[in-house]
Amino acid sequence: MFITEAMAATEAAAAATEPSPMAGFIVQLILVFLIFYFILIRPQQKRMREHEAMLNAIQPKDEVITGGGIYGKVVKAEGDILTVEIAENVKIKVSRSSVKDVVSGKNSK
C-alpha cells in the first residue's frame, strides 16, 4: 500500500508543476504577433507617414507623377487640389492624394 501512496503523491506533484498547454499557446501567439508587427505592420506605417509628408510638401514648380502615370509640373496648389501642367497650355486638376511621387529631384527630363 505504501508504494501506491508514494506513486500517487509523485503524480500529483508532477501534475501541479506542469504548465498548462494554453499558456504555451498564448506565448507562441504573442511571439507571432510581434514578428508580424516588426516585419509587416511597422514598415508599412513608416512608408505611409513618409508618403503623407511628401504629399503635404508638394509646392508649385514640383514635377510629379500621378497614380494614373501622368507626368507634369505643379502650377498651383490649393488645399487638396493641384493644378498640374502636362504640356504647354494644357493644365489639369488632380487630387493631392492621387500623386504617386515627386520626381523633381530625381532623373527626369
C-alpha atoms as a PDB file:
ATOM      1  CA  MET A   1       0.000   0.000   0.000  1.00  0.00           C
ATOM      2  CA  PHE A   2       2.913   2.328   0.706  1.00  0.00           C
ATOM      3  CA  ILE A   3       4.125   2.193  -2.925  1.00  0.00           C
ATOM      4  CA  THR A   4       0.726   3.179  -4.274  1.00  0.00           C
ATOM      5  CA  GLU A   5       0.519   6.197  -1.984  1.00  0.00           C
ATOM      6  CA  ALA A   6       4.031   7.281  -2.974  1.00  0.00           C
ATOM      7  CA  MET A   7       3.216   6.944  -6.675  1.00  0.00           C
ATOM      8  CA  ALA A   8       0.034   8.942  -6.227  1.00  0.00           C
ATOM      9  CA  ALA A   9       1.929  11.686  -4.386  1.00  0.00           C
ATOM     10  CA  THR A  10       4.584  11.956  -7.111  1.00  0.00           C
ATOM     11  CA  GLU A  11       1.959  12.034  -9.871  1.00  0.00           C
ATOM     12  CA  ALA A  12       0.044  14.788  -8.053  1.00  0.00           C
ATOM     13  CA  ALA A  13       3.230  16.813  -7.570  1.00  0.00           C
ATOM     14  CA  ALA A  14       4.156  16.385 -11.249  1.00  0.00           C
ATOM     15  CA  ALA A  15       0.684  17.453 -12.383  1.00  0.00           C
ATOM     16  CA  ALA A  16       0.860  20.546 -10.191  1.00  0.00           C
ATOM     17  CA  THR A  17       4.198  21.701 -11.638  1.00  0.00           C
ATOM     18  CA  GLU A  18       3.435  21.168 -15.358  1.00  0.00           C
ATOM     19  CA  PRO A  19       2.474  24.349 -17.216  1.00  0.00           C
ATOM     20  CA  SER A  20      -0.856  24.315 -18.938  1.00  0.00           C
ATOM     21  CA  PRO A  21      -0.816  23.853 -22.730  1.00  0.00           C
ATOM     22  CA  MET A  22      -2.863  27.044 -23.085  1.00  0.00           C
ATOM     23  CA  ALA A  23      -0.041  29.148 -21.616  1.00  0.00           C
ATOM     24  CA  GLY A  24       2.357  27.834 -24.256  1.00  0.00           C
ATOM     25  CA  PHE A  25      -0.141  28.625 -26.993  1.00  0.00           C
ATOM     26  CA  ILE A  26      -0.595  32.189 -25.740  1.00  0.00           C
ATOM     27  CA  VAL A  27       3.175  32.755 -25.638  1.00  0.00           C
ATOM     28  CA  GLN A  28       3.504  31.470 -29.213  1.00  0.00           C
ATOM     29  CA  LEU A  29       0.616  33.679 -30.345  1.00  0.00           C
ATOM     30  CA  ILE A  30       2.251  36.737 -28.819  1.00  0.00           C
ATOM     31  CA  LEU A  31       5.573  35.897 -30.480  1.00  0.00           C
ATOM     32  CA  VAL A  32       3.910  35.515 -33.888  1.00  0.00           C
ATOM     33  CA  PHE A  33       2.143  38.860 -33.464  1.00  0.00           C
ATOM     34  CA  LEU A  34       5.422  40.578 -32.544  1.00  0.00           C
ATOM     35  CA  ILE A  35       7.136  39.108 -35.594  1.00  0.00           C
ATOM     36  CA  PHE A  36       4.318  40.290 -37.872  1.00  0.00           C
ATOM     37  CA  TYR A  37       4.395  43.732 -36.264  1.00  0.00           C
ATOM     38  CA  PHE A  38       8.115  44.275 -36.794  1.00  0.00           C
ATOM     39  CA  ILE A  39       8.261  42.711 -40.270  1.00  0.00           C
ATOM     40  CA  LEU A  40       4.980  43.891 -41.856  1.00  0.00           C
ATOM     41  CA  ILE A  41       2.988  46.455 -39.898  1.00  0.00           C
ATOM     42  CA  ARG A  42       5.694  48.834 -38.676  1.00  0.00           C
ATOM     43  CA  PRO A  43       7.478  49.297 -42.063  1.00  0.00           C
ATOM     44  CA  GLN A  44       4.115  49.855 -43.789  1.00  0.00           C
ATOM     45  CA  GLN A  45       3.183  52.561 -41.284  1.00  0.00           C
ATOM     46  CA  LYS A  46       6.574  54.218 -41.842  1.00  0.00           C
ATOM     47  CA  ARG A  47       6.035  54.244 -45.630  1.00  0.00           C
ATOM     48  CA  MET A  48       2.562  55.721 -45.171  1.00  0.00           C
ATOM     49  CA  ARG A  49       3.930  58.533 -42.953  1.00  0.00           C
ATOM     50  CA  GLU A  50       6.689  59.306 -45.490  1.00  0.00           C
ATOM     51  CA  HIS A  51       4.172  59.379 -48.372  1.00  0.00           C
ATOM     52  CA  GLU A  52       1.844  61.666 -46.396  1.00  0.00           C
ATOM     53  CA  ALA A  53       4.748  64.033 -45.630  1.00  0.00           C
ATOM     54  CA  MET A  54       5.712  64.032 -49.316  1.00  0.00           C
ATOM     55  CA  LEU A  55       2.136  64.892 -50.335  1.00  0.00           C
ATOM     56  CA  ASN A  56       1.937  67.743 -47.836  1.00  0.00           C
ATOM     57  CA  ALA A  57       5.274  69.153 -49.055  1.00  0.00           C
ATOM     58  CA  ILE A  58       4.205  69.496 -52.714  1.00  0.00           C
ATOM     59  CA  GLN A  59       4.659  73.084 -53.898  1.00  0.00           C
ATOM     60  CA  PRO A  60       4.284  74.840 -57.253  1.00  0.00           C
ATOM     61  CA  LYS A  61       7.130  74.069 -59.707  1.00  0.00           C
ATOM     62  CA  ASP A  62       7.473  70.492 -58.378  1.00  0.00           C
ATOM     63  CA  GLU A  63       7.352  67.788 -61.029  1.00  0.00           C
ATOM     64  CA  VAL A  64       5.033  64.933 -60.059  1.00  0.00           C
ATOM     65  CA  ILE A  65       3.700  61.650 -61.355  1.00  0.00           C
ATOM     66  CA  THR A  66       0.077  60.790 -60.653  1.00  0.00           C
ATOM     67  CA  GLY A  67      -1.352  57.386 -59.839  1.00  0.00           C
ATOM     68  CA  GLY A  68      -2.518  57.186 -63.447  1.00  0.00           C
ATOM     69  CA  GLY A  69       1.031  57.644 -64.753  1.00  0.00           C
ATOM     70  CA  ILE A  70       0.730  61.264 -65.879  1.00  0.00           C
ATOM     71  CA  TYR A  71       3.891  63.341 -65.502  1.00  0.00           C
ATOM     72  CA  GLY A  72       3.512  67.070 -65.045  1.00  0.00           C
ATOM     73  CA  LYS A  73       4.614  70.223 -63.270  1.00  0.00           C
ATOM     74  CA  VAL A  74       2.544  71.632 -60.416  1.00  0.00           C
ATOM     75  CA  VAL A  75       1.410  75.134 -61.316  1.00  0.00           C
ATOM     76  CA  LYS A  76      -0.911  75.801 -58.397  1.00  0.00           C
ATOM     77  CA  ALA A  77      -1.545  74.076 -55.075  1.00  0.00           C
ATOM     78  CA  GLU A  78      -4.749  74.884 -53.202  1.00  0.00           C
ATOM     79  CA  GLY A  79      -5.523  72.580 -50.310  1.00  0.00           C
ATOM     80  CA  ASP A  80      -6.326  69.147 -51.707  1.00  0.00           C
ATOM     81  CA  ILE A  81      -6.466  70.277 -55.363  1.00  0.00           C
ATOM     82  CA  LEU A  82      -3.344  70.582 -57.504  1.00  0.00           C
ATOM     83  CA  THR A  83      -3.272  72.189 -60.934  1.00  0.00           C
ATOM     84  CA  VAL A  84      -0.732  70.263 -62.997  1.00  0.00           C
ATOM     85  CA  GLU A  85       0.592  71.350 -66.387  1.00  0.00           C
ATOM     86  CA  ILE A  86       1.135  68.242 -68.504  1.00  0.00           C
ATOM     87  CA  ALA A  87       2.008  70.050 -71.759  1.00  0.00           C
ATOM     88  CA  GLU A  88       2.259  73.658 -72.897  1.00  0.00           C
ATOM     89  CA  ASN A  89      -1.027  75.375 -72.035  1.00  0.00           C
ATOM     90  CA  VAL A  90      -2.592  72.048 -71.001  1.00  0.00           C
ATOM     91  CA  LYS A  91      -3.473  72.058 -67.319  1.00  0.00           C
ATOM     92  CA  ILE A  92      -5.440  69.528 -65.336  1.00  0.00           C
ATOM     93  CA  LYS A  93      -6.670  69.499 -61.780  1.00  0.00           C
ATOM     94  CA  VAL A  94      -5.866  66.456 -59.678  1.00  0.00           C
ATOM     95  CA  SER A  95      -6.386  65.488 -56.098  1.00  0.00           C
ATOM     96  CA  ARG A  96      -3.287  65.767 -53.934  1.00  0.00           C
ATOM     97  CA  SER A  97      -3.834  62.192 -52.761  1.00  0.00           C
ATOM     98  CA  SER A  98      -3.640  60.892 -56.349  1.00  0.00           C
ATOM     99  CA  VAL A  99       0.011  61.941 -56.632  1.00  0.00           C
ATOM    100  CA  LYS A 100       2.233  58.878 -56.600  1.00  0.00           C
ATOM    101  CA  ASP A 101       5.630  60.530 -56.372  1.00  0.00           C
ATOM    102  CA  VAL A 102       7.514  63.820 -56.710  1.00  0.00           C
ATOM    103  CA  VAL A 103      10.132  63.451 -59.450  1.00  0.00           C
ATOM    104  CA  SER A 104      11.731  66.937 -59.319  1.00  0.00           C
ATOM    105  CA  GLY A 105      14.966  65.840 -57.665  1.00  0.00           C
ATOM    106  CA  LYS A 106      15.203  62.522 -59.494  1.00  0.00           C
ATOM    107  CA  ASN A 107      16.313  61.665 -63.011  1.00  0.00           C
ATOM    108  CA  SER A 108      13.702  63.490 -65.048  1.00  0.00           C
ATOM    109  CA  LYS A 109      13.701  65.097 -68.489  1.00  0.00           C
END
